[in-house]
Protein backbone atom coordinates (compact mmCIF):
# COMPACT_ATOMS: atom_id res chain seq x y z
CA MET A 1 -20.07 4.38 -19.78
CA GLU A 2 -22.42 1.53 -20.48
CA LEU A 3 -23.38 -0.77 -17.86
CA SER A 4 -22.49 -4.57 -19.26
CA ASN A 5 -22.73 -7.59 -17.14
CA GLN A 6 -25.53 -5.96 -15.20
CA THR A 7 -26.91 -9.28 -14.03
CA ASN A 8 -24.03 -10.62 -12.66
CA ARG A 9 -22.36 -7.84 -11.28
CA ALA A 10 -25.49 -5.92 -9.60
CA ASN A 11 -24.25 -7.20 -6.44
CA ILE A 12 -20.84 -6.12 -6.58
CA GLU A 13 -20.19 -3.11 -4.06
CA PHE A 14 -16.37 -1.91 -5.21
CA THR A 15 -14.24 -3.51 -7.85
CA ALA A 16 -10.50 -3.19 -6.64
CA ILE A 17 -7.68 -1.80 -8.46
CA VAL A 18 -4.30 -3.04 -7.28
CA LEU A 19 -1.42 -1.17 -9.23
CA ALA A 20 1.60 -3.11 -9.40
CA GLY A 21 3.90 -0.81 -11.76
CA PRO A 22 7.90 -1.02 -12.74
CA GLY A 23 9.45 0.48 -9.85
CA THR A 24 11.59 2.87 -11.39
CA ARG A 25 12.12 4.86 -7.93
CA LEU A 26 13.28 1.23 -6.45
CA PHE A 27 16.40 1.03 -8.92
CA PRO A 28 18.26 -1.54 -9.22
CA LEU A 29 16.16 -3.51 -7.17
CA SER A 30 13.37 -3.40 -9.70
CA GLU A 31 15.53 -4.20 -12.83
CA PRO A 32 14.09 -6.65 -14.88
CA GLU A 33 16.14 -9.10 -14.62
CA ASN A 34 15.32 -9.08 -10.77
CA TYR A 35 12.22 -9.33 -8.96
CA PRO A 36 9.10 -7.34 -10.08
CA LYS A 37 8.85 -4.61 -7.74
CA ALA A 38 5.40 -6.14 -6.82
CA LEU A 39 7.30 -9.37 -5.41
CA LEU A 40 10.43 -7.79 -3.56
CA PRO A 41 10.32 -9.02 -0.19
CA ILE A 42 9.52 -7.11 2.95
CA GLY A 43 10.21 -9.06 5.94
CA SER A 44 9.35 -12.67 4.92
CA ARG A 45 6.64 -11.62 2.31
CA PRO A 46 6.63 -10.46 -0.95
CA MET A 47 5.37 -6.85 -1.01
CA ILE A 48 2.08 -7.45 -2.78
CA TRP A 49 0.97 -9.83 0.45
CA TYR A 50 0.65 -7.19 2.49
CA VAL A 51 -2.19 -4.66 0.70
CA LEU A 52 -4.08 -8.04 -0.56
CA GLN A 53 -4.13 -9.14 2.76
CA TRP A 54 -5.50 -5.24 3.96
CA LEU A 55 -8.20 -5.58 1.37
CA GLU A 56 -9.36 -9.14 2.16
CA SER A 57 -9.28 -8.60 6.35
CA GLU A 58 -11.82 -7.38 8.55
CA GLY A 59 -15.36 -6.63 6.40
CA ILE A 60 -13.52 -7.34 3.36
CA THR A 61 -13.32 -11.04 4.03
CA GLU A 62 -16.74 -11.72 4.35
CA ILE A 63 -18.14 -9.91 1.50
CA SER A 64 -15.02 -11.26 -1.08
CA SER A 65 -17.37 -13.54 -2.66
CA THR A 66 -20.20 -11.12 -3.28
CA LEU A 67 -19.53 -7.37 -2.73
CA PHE A 68 -15.84 -7.52 -4.32
CA GLN A 69 -14.43 -8.02 -7.07
CA ALA A 70 -10.16 -7.22 -7.51
CA PHE A 71 -8.07 -6.81 -10.33
CA LEU A 72 -3.98 -6.58 -10.26
CA ILE A 73 -2.43 -4.63 -12.91
CA THR A 74 1.28 -5.00 -13.85
CA LEU A 75 3.27 -4.79 -16.91
CA THR A 76 3.23 -7.88 -19.60
CA ARG A 77 6.84 -8.47 -18.63
CA ASP A 78 5.89 -9.37 -15.40
CA GLU A 79 2.64 -11.11 -15.50
CA PRO A 80 4.08 -14.12 -15.40
CA ALA A 81 6.05 -14.00 -12.39
CA ILE A 82 3.09 -12.35 -10.38
CA SER A 83 0.49 -14.98 -11.35
CA ASN A 84 2.58 -17.61 -10.65
CA TYR A 85 2.57 -15.93 -7.08
CA LEU A 86 -0.70 -15.89 -6.79
CA HIS A 87 -2.31 -18.52 -7.97
CA SER A 88 0.61 -20.91 -6.83
CA VAL A 89 1.62 -19.36 -3.71
CA TYR A 90 -0.47 -16.76 -1.97
CA GLU A 91 -2.83 -18.25 0.44
CA GLY A 92 -5.49 -15.79 -0.13
CA SER A 93 -8.39 -15.17 -2.40
CA GLN A 94 -7.89 -17.11 -5.60
CA SER A 95 -10.50 -14.73 -7.26
CA ILE A 96 -8.34 -11.85 -8.01
CA SER A 97 -7.53 -11.08 -11.84
CA VAL A 98 -4.26 -10.15 -13.44
CA LYS A 99 -4.48 -7.87 -16.21
CA ALA A 100 -1.23 -7.36 -18.11
CA LEU A 101 -0.73 -3.91 -19.84
CA GLU A 102 1.94 -3.31 -22.72
CA ASP A 103 2.48 0.25 -21.24
CA PHE A 104 0.83 2.93 -19.78
CA TYR A 105 1.25 6.64 -19.16
CA GLY A 106 0.09 7.31 -15.04
CA THR A 107 -2.23 5.80 -12.81
CA ALA A 108 -4.85 7.38 -14.40
CA ASP A 109 -4.33 6.06 -17.81
CA VAL A 110 -4.77 2.34 -16.13
CA LEU A 111 -8.28 3.24 -15.33
CA ARG A 112 -8.63 4.36 -18.96
CA GLN A 113 -7.21 0.98 -20.24
CA LEU A 114 -9.33 -0.63 -17.81
CA SER A 115 -12.74 1.13 -17.56
CA GLN A 116 -14.80 -1.54 -19.78
CA TYR A 117 -14.06 -3.79 -16.65
CA ILE A 118 -15.34 -0.89 -13.61
CA THR A 119 -19.12 -0.75 -13.11
CA THR A 120 -19.01 -0.49 -9.49
CA ASP A 121 -18.06 2.32 -7.23
CA PHE A 122 -13.80 1.46 -6.83
CA ILE A 123 -10.49 1.25 -4.57
CA VAL A 124 -7.83 2.09 -6.10
CA THR A 125 -3.87 1.13 -4.10
CA SER A 126 -0.27 0.36 -4.97
CA THR A 127 1.21 -3.06 -4.38
CA ASP A 128 3.90 -0.43 -2.40
CA VAL A 129 1.45 -0.04 0.65
CA VAL A 130 1.94 -1.15 4.29
CA MET A 131 -0.04 0.09 6.78
CA ASP A 132 -2.45 -1.03 9.84
CA ILE A 133 -5.68 1.14 8.79
CA PRO A 134 -8.88 -1.19 9.38
CA PRO A 135 -10.45 -0.90 6.18
CA TYR A 136 -13.69 -1.49 7.06
CA GLN A 137 -12.95 2.22 8.55
CA PHE A 138 -11.86 3.42 5.72
CA LEU A 139 -14.69 2.27 3.45
CA ASP A 140 -17.27 3.21 6.25
CA LEU A 141 -16.18 6.67 5.92
CA PHE A 142 -17.16 6.33 2.29
CA ARG A 143 -20.48 4.39 2.96
CA VAL A 144 -21.65 6.79 5.40
CA PHE A 145 -20.85 10.36 3.77
CA LYS A 146 -20.95 9.30 0.26
CA PRO A 147 -18.02 11.85 -1.08
CA ASP A 148 -17.13 11.73 -4.23
CA ALA A 149 -13.49 9.96 -3.23
CA CYS A 150 -11.60 9.14 -0.16
CA CYS A 151 -8.20 9.38 0.68
CA VAL A 152 -5.79 8.22 3.20
CA LEU A 153 -3.19 10.54 4.58
CA MET A 154 -0.88 8.78 6.97
CA GLN A 155 1.51 10.77 9.42
CA GLU A 156 5.13 9.30 7.87
CA MET A 157 6.85 7.55 10.85
CA PRO A 158 10.07 8.94 11.41
CA SER A 159 13.24 6.99 10.28
CA GLU A 160 15.93 4.82 12.42
CA GLY A 161 18.67 6.06 10.43
CA GLY A 162 20.51 3.70 8.22
CA GLY A 163 19.25 4.32 4.87
CA GLY A 164 16.27 6.38 6.25
CA CYS A 165 13.28 8.25 4.60
CA SER A 166 13.88 11.10 2.41
CA ARG A 167 11.47 13.39 0.37
CA ASP A 168 14.30 14.82 -1.51
CA ASP A 169 13.35 12.72 -4.31
CA GLU A 170 9.50 14.14 -4.55
CA VAL A 171 7.60 17.22 -4.34
CA SER A 172 6.67 18.26 -0.89
CA ARG A 173 3.26 19.25 -0.77
CA PHE A 174 0.77 20.70 1.91
CA TYR A 175 -3.14 18.96 2.75
CA GLY A 176 -5.32 21.34 4.29
CA VAL A 177 -8.08 19.32 6.28
CA ASP A 178 -11.45 20.80 7.23
CA GLN A 179 -11.30 19.07 11.15
CA VAL A 180 -15.42 19.34 11.57
CA SER A 181 -16.40 17.29 8.43
CA SER A 182 -12.73 15.65 7.17
CA LYS A 183 -13.00 17.12 3.96
CA LEU A 184 -9.83 17.24 2.10
CA VAL A 185 -9.99 21.02 1.29
CA MET A 186 -6.20 21.72 -0.40
CA ILE A 187 -3.62 20.21 -1.73
CA LYS A 188 -0.94 22.76 -2.54
CA ASP A 189 2.94 22.33 -3.65
CA ASP A 190 5.19 23.56 -1.51
CA ASN A 191 7.80 25.53 -4.17
CA ASN A 192 9.91 27.34 -1.08
CA GLU A 193 9.08 30.69 -1.92
CA ASP A 194 8.44 31.76 1.84
CA GLU A 195 9.03 29.09 4.12
CA GLU A 196 7.05 31.66 6.80
CA SER A 197 3.75 32.07 4.67
CA LEU A 198 1.40 29.57 2.57
CA SER A 199 -1.71 31.48 0.89
CA VAL A 200 -4.52 30.00 0.94
CA ARG A 201 -7.92 31.40 -1.14
CA MET A 202 -10.42 32.91 0.48
CA SER A 203 -13.03 30.90 -0.72
CA ILE A 204 -11.22 28.25 1.40
CA LEU A 205 -11.16 29.90 4.31
CA ASN A 206 -15.03 31.08 3.86
CA LYS A 207 -16.41 27.83 3.96
CA PHE A 208 -13.75 25.76 5.71
CA PRO A 209 -13.01 28.31 8.95
CA SER A 210 -11.34 25.03 11.06
CA ILE A 211 -8.55 23.89 8.60
CA PHE A 212 -5.73 21.44 9.90
CA MET A 213 -2.69 22.25 7.56
CA SER A 214 0.53 19.78 7.19
CA LYS A 215 3.27 19.27 5.09
CA SER A 216 4.65 16.36 6.84
CA LEU A 217 1.39 13.76 5.48
CA LEU A 218 2.07 11.12 3.02
CA ASP A 219 -0.58 10.28 0.98
CA LEU A 220 -0.60 6.83 0.40
CA HIS A 221 -2.35 6.57 -2.61
CA VAL A 222 -5.13 4.46 -1.51
CA TYR A 223 -8.41 5.71 -2.78
CA VAL A 224 -12.08 4.73 -3.67
CA PHE A 225 -14.07 6.87 -6.16
CA GLN A 226 -17.73 6.63 -7.07
CA ASN A 227 -18.29 5.49 -10.57
CA TRP A 228 -18.67 8.52 -12.05
CA VAL A 229 -15.08 9.80 -11.48
CA LEU A 230 -13.80 6.71 -13.82
CA ASP A 231 -15.87 8.11 -16.93
CA TYR A 232 -14.52 11.68 -16.17
CA ILE A 233 -11.18 9.96 -16.74
CA VAL A 234 -12.10 8.77 -19.69
CA ASP A 235 -13.43 11.76 -21.33
CA ARG A 236 -10.46 13.75 -19.73
CA PRO A 237 -6.94 11.89 -21.33
CA ASP A 238 -5.06 14.53 -20.47
CA ILE A 239 -5.50 13.66 -16.49
CA LEU A 240 -2.05 11.07 -15.74
CA SER A 241 -1.89 10.94 -12.26
CA ILE A 242 -4.36 10.19 -9.66
CA GLY A 243 -2.64 11.64 -7.38
CA TYR A 244 -0.92 14.40 -8.69
CA ASP A 245 -3.89 15.42 -11.67
CA LEU A 246 -7.25 13.99 -10.50
CA MET A 247 -7.15 14.20 -7.08
CA PRO A 248 -6.35 18.22 -6.82
CA LEU A 249 -8.77 18.55 -9.95
CA LEU A 250 -11.38 17.48 -7.58
CA VAL A 251 -10.46 19.11 -4.52
CA ARG A 252 -10.34 22.48 -6.42
CA MET A 253 -13.99 21.98 -7.54
CA GLN A 254 -15.05 21.65 -3.91
CA THR A 255 -14.68 25.54 -3.86
CA GLN A 256 -14.66 26.95 -7.21
CA LYS A 257 -18.36 26.69 -8.74
CA SER A 258 -16.92 28.28 -12.23
CA LEU A 259 -14.53 25.05 -12.50
CA TYR A 260 -17.05 22.25 -11.45
CA GLU A 261 -19.80 24.01 -14.13
CA LYS A 262 -16.57 24.43 -16.94
CA GLU A 263 -16.20 20.74 -16.02
CA LYS A 264 -19.70 19.74 -16.69
CA ILE A 265 -19.29 17.23 -13.83
CA ASP A 266 -23.51 17.31 -13.53
CA SER A 267 -23.80 15.00 -16.82
CA PHE A 268 -21.31 12.46 -15.46
CA LEU A 269 -23.57 12.45 -12.10
CA LYS A 270 -26.53 10.94 -14.07
CA ASN A 271 -24.99 8.20 -15.09
CA ASN A 272 -23.52 7.62 -11.30
CA ILE A 273 -27.49 7.90 -10.42
CA LYS A 274 -28.35 4.97 -12.82
CA LEU A 275 -25.58 3.05 -11.78
CA LYS A 276 -27.12 3.38 -7.88
CA LYS A 277 -30.35 2.61 -8.88
CA GLU A 278 -29.29 -0.93 -10.74
CA TYR A 279 -27.18 -1.72 -7.35
CA MET A 280 -29.68 -0.59 -4.67
CA ASN A 281 -32.37 -2.85 -6.89
CA SER A 282 -30.32 -5.68 -6.46
CA VAL A 283 -29.59 -5.52 -2.77
CA LEU A 284 -33.05 -4.70 -2.23
CA ASP A 285 -34.22 -7.55 -4.64
CA LEU A 286 -36.85 -4.48 -6.48
CA ASP A 287 -38.03 -4.34 -9.70
CA SER A 288 -35.75 -2.49 -12.23
CA ASN A 289 -38.46 0.99 -11.73
CA ASP A 290 -39.38 0.52 -8.15
CA LEU A 291 -36.22 2.98 -6.95
CA ASN A 292 -35.90 5.89 -9.44
CA PRO A 293 -33.39 9.16 -8.52
CA LYS A 294 -35.41 10.99 -6.75
CA ASP A 295 -35.40 8.41 -3.95
CA LEU A 296 -31.98 7.96 -4.32
CA SER A 297 -31.48 11.89 -3.33
CA SER A 298 -33.88 11.55 -0.62
CA ASN A 299 -31.24 8.52 0.78
CA LYS A 300 -28.35 10.53 0.47
CA LEU A 301 -27.28 8.32 -2.85
CA SER A 302 -26.45 11.13 -4.28
CA SER A 303 -26.22 14.58 -2.64
CA TYR A 304 -24.58 17.25 -4.94
CA ASP A 305 -24.45 21.24 -4.37
CA SER A 306 -22.36 22.38 -7.59
CA SER A 307 -19.18 20.53 -5.78
CA THR A 308 -17.36 17.96 -5.42
CA ASN A 309 -16.93 16.32 -1.99
CA ILE A 310 -13.56 14.52 -1.16
CA LEU A 311 -12.87 13.46 2.09
CA ALA A 312 -9.36 12.32 4.26
CA TYR A 313 -9.14 9.85 6.20
CA VAL A 314 -5.71 10.88 8.44
CA ARG A 315 -4.00 8.71 10.16
CA ARG A 316 -1.91 9.81 12.62
CA GLY A 317 0.99 7.59 14.57
CA ALA A 318 0.22 4.69 12.93
CA VAL A 319 2.12 2.18 11.68
CA GLY A 320 3.11 1.89 7.66
CA GLY A 321 3.82 3.36 4.79
CA ARG A 322 5.00 3.39 1.44
CA ALA A 323 7.63 1.17 0.09
CA ASN A 324 8.39 3.08 -3.15
CA THR A 325 12.19 4.57 -3.31
CA ILE A 326 15.20 2.95 -1.95
CA ASN A 327 15.09 4.48 1.75
CA ARG A 328 11.49 4.04 2.75
CA TYR A 329 11.98 -0.09 1.50
CA PHE A 330 14.98 -0.13 4.00
CA ASP A 331 12.22 1.43 6.49
CA LEU A 332 9.61 -0.38 6.30
CA SER A 333 11.78 -3.69 6.00
CA LYS A 334 13.06 -3.01 9.60
CA LEU A 335 9.62 -1.54 10.68
CA VAL A 336 7.46 -4.73 9.34
CA CYS A 337 10.22 -6.98 10.69
CA ARG A 338 9.08 -5.75 14.64
CA VAL A 339 5.81 -5.10 14.23
CA PHE A 340 3.82 -8.28 12.35
CA PRO A 341 4.33 -11.53 13.99
CA SER A 342 3.87 -13.13 10.47
CA SER A 343 7.46 -12.11 9.79
CA LYS A 344 9.64 -14.40 11.76
CA HIS A 345 11.67 -11.79 12.69
CA PHE A 346 13.50 -11.82 16.39
CA PRO A 347 15.04 -8.66 18.21
CA THR A 348 18.46 -9.35 18.85
CA GLY A 349 17.71 -9.79 22.15
CA TYR A 350 15.84 -13.41 21.67
CA ALA A 351 18.61 -14.78 19.72
CA THR A 352 20.31 -17.48 20.93
CA ALA A 353 24.00 -16.97 21.23
CA VAL A 354 26.20 -19.67 21.80
CA ALA A 355 29.87 -20.93 21.33
CA PHE A 356 30.28 -22.83 18.13
CA PRO A 357 32.04 -25.91 18.38
CA PRO A 358 35.55 -26.99 16.63
CA GLU A 359 35.15 -27.99 13.13
CA ASN A 360 35.58 -31.54 13.33
CA ALA A 361 33.07 -32.19 16.32
CA THR A 362 30.69 -34.89 16.21
CA THR A 363 26.60 -34.18 15.73
CA ASN A 364 25.99 -34.88 19.05
CA ASP A 365 27.97 -31.91 20.32
CA GLN A 366 25.81 -29.24 18.02
CA PRO A 367 23.74 -27.11 20.47
CA GLN A 368 19.75 -27.84 20.53
CA HIS A 369 16.78 -25.91 20.57
CA SER A 370 14.09 -26.63 23.31
CA ALA A 371 11.32 -25.34 20.83
CA LEU A 372 12.17 -27.88 18.29
CA MET A 373 12.76 -31.03 20.67
CA ASN A 374 9.64 -33.01 21.15
CA SER A 375 7.28 -31.09 19.13
CA SER A 376 4.84 -32.39 16.40
CA LYS A 377 4.32 -28.56 14.99
CA PRO A 378 6.33 -26.69 12.75
CA VAL A 379 7.87 -24.38 14.64
CA PHE A 380 10.90 -21.70 13.74
CA SER A 381 13.61 -21.65 15.99
CA THR A 382 15.79 -18.64 17.73
CA PRO A 383 18.45 -17.08 15.32
CA VAL A 384 22.17 -18.85 16.89
CA ILE A 385 25.10 -16.66 16.98
CA SER A 386 28.32 -16.83 18.17
CA THR A 387 29.38 -15.45 21.58
CA LYS A 388 32.09 -13.49 19.64
CA SER A 389 30.28 -11.66 17.27
CA GLN A 390 28.56 -8.73 18.29
CA ILE A 391 24.49 -7.87 16.70
CA THR A 392 24.33 -3.89 17.98
CA ALA A 393 20.61 -3.44 19.59
CA ASP A 394 18.98 -1.61 15.91
CA SER A 395 19.29 -4.84 13.85
CA ILE A 396 17.02 -8.04 13.72
CA VAL A 397 17.96 -11.50 12.91
CA GLY A 398 15.69 -13.79 11.61
CA ALA A 399 14.44 -17.38 12.50
CA SER A 400 17.40 -20.21 12.08
CA THR A 401 19.59 -18.26 11.00
CA LYS A 402 23.15 -18.53 11.98
CA ILE A 403 26.57 -15.98 12.57
CA LEU A 404 29.56 -17.31 12.84
CA GLU A 405 32.30 -15.61 15.19
CA ARG A 406 33.91 -12.64 14.82
CA SER A 407 31.06 -11.08 12.56
CA LEU A 408 29.68 -7.45 13.68
CA ILE A 409 25.74 -6.51 12.28
CA LYS A 410 24.86 -2.95 12.80
CA LYS A 411 22.14 -1.12 11.73
CA SER A 412 20.41 -4.43 9.47
CA VAL A 413 17.68 -6.85 8.68
CA ILE A 414 19.18 -10.53 8.31
CA GLY A 415 16.50 -12.65 7.20
CA SER A 416 15.52 -16.25 8.02
CA HIS A 417 17.58 -18.78 7.20
CA VAL A 418 20.77 -16.95 6.70
CA THR A 419 24.44 -18.05 7.00
CA ILE A 420 26.64 -15.35 7.92
CA GLY A 421 30.36 -16.72 8.10
CA LYS A 422 33.31 -15.06 10.15
CA ASN A 423 35.18 -11.80 10.51
CA VAL A 424 31.45 -10.37 7.96
CA LYS A 425 30.61 -6.51 8.77
CA LEU A 426 27.36 -5.35 7.80
CA THR A 427 26.02 -1.88 8.32
CA ASN A 428 22.78 -0.85 7.29
CA CYS A 429 21.89 -3.78 5.22
CA ILE A 430 18.96 -5.73 4.86
CA VAL A 431 19.69 -9.53 3.71
CA HIS A 432 16.66 -11.48 2.98
CA ASP A 433 16.06 -15.26 3.44
CA TYR A 434 18.88 -18.40 2.71
CA VAL A 435 21.28 -16.02 1.76
CA VAL A 436 24.86 -17.15 2.38
CA ILE A 437 27.37 -14.45 3.11
CA ASP A 438 31.04 -15.76 3.45
CA ASP A 439 33.42 -14.98 5.25
CA LYS A 440 35.63 -12.12 5.81
CA TYR A 441 32.72 -9.90 3.84
CA GLY A 442 32.19 -6.05 4.91
CA LEU A 443 29.33 -4.42 3.04
CA ILE A 444 27.53 -1.03 3.43
CA PHE A 445 23.96 -0.05 3.13
CA LEU A 446 23.11 -3.05 0.59
CA PHE A 447 20.35 -5.03 0.11
CA LEU A 448 20.77 -8.97 -0.38
CA PHE A 449 18.21 -12.05 -1.58
CA LEU A 450 18.28 -14.78 -3.31
CA LEU A 451 16.54 -15.11 -6.55
């Protein structure tokens, strides 16, 4: 791949590719007449807000102007809504470029179509990711050990029920990680042929005798790659998915020298060394010939031994996951409301219980909230819930929400500024901001949001 605009881009360390796909597994929430998947709300924020904040937080914030550039990839039909949010509503970086594609066939095909814009090592993530992993920890793993690729594996949080996480619609996979080097040494689909045994190649066991094996890990689809991997993807149009095609192939090359040689990986690495030379020259302010490929090798910018090097950042006991299915979307909505203070939701114990006055009461008779009185700063009032209504402890109610008499809320997330009428029964529901539910409705396992 030719290095274009080297003068302007030489000081860019990473290019971030944020994938905002159609969200077919979130149907019917992601229907074209509804929100684009990236703008579906989780807590009080659009889904895309969380991954953009993750990219900009910690170390990324400090280098956003010189060492970091971002592209957000979406379908042509969703581009106007997403661009409007980024440029008119989102309060973070305004340097995110939105690229609209007519169509694409898998995540790897997105990278092929975008290859002309990527001249650095690159990060790939999806808009449906919510996580509490400091980005500098993940990126420093890549910076220090210089793997060809690095991914994030997270132990999926148990579901609380009421929509709960279900992995029945996807392939269950075993992940093997070397406990000494953090190398991802095996990705294998669980075919359920024999639940008591798992076959592992002897070449893997000989090279990595201390392997942690698990099929309870979730691939968050957060990756960082050396630039040569993009050249390889462009050269291999049969690779469609990063998670299901590319990563297993790169992992196998660590222990299968014949596969490494068959794929002619060395030819791609030569171009990568040239790229590293340009980057280091720009950082150290050297002339173009001051740093040669041999220096790069000695400085561990390139340390290849006829095999690839794939690392996994394994996160256990973390908060987060993927909102790529209806069930996971439900779980993350409840989780985010509890964990992220910016969500402006309250556990039911923080609600203000009041006896609502008769309909003909005067304004002075209405309940007041001390948090709103004598304050010049904008604040969010606690929810107001009738003493005759019941809200179970596994529900969450948003700020400034009003729940009238004899309503029952179970295992649900209620947004901010919501009005729920009398005799309403909600079970396993997510009700987003500013929704009004009239009297005497009974809803089970439903998502409501204001369009």
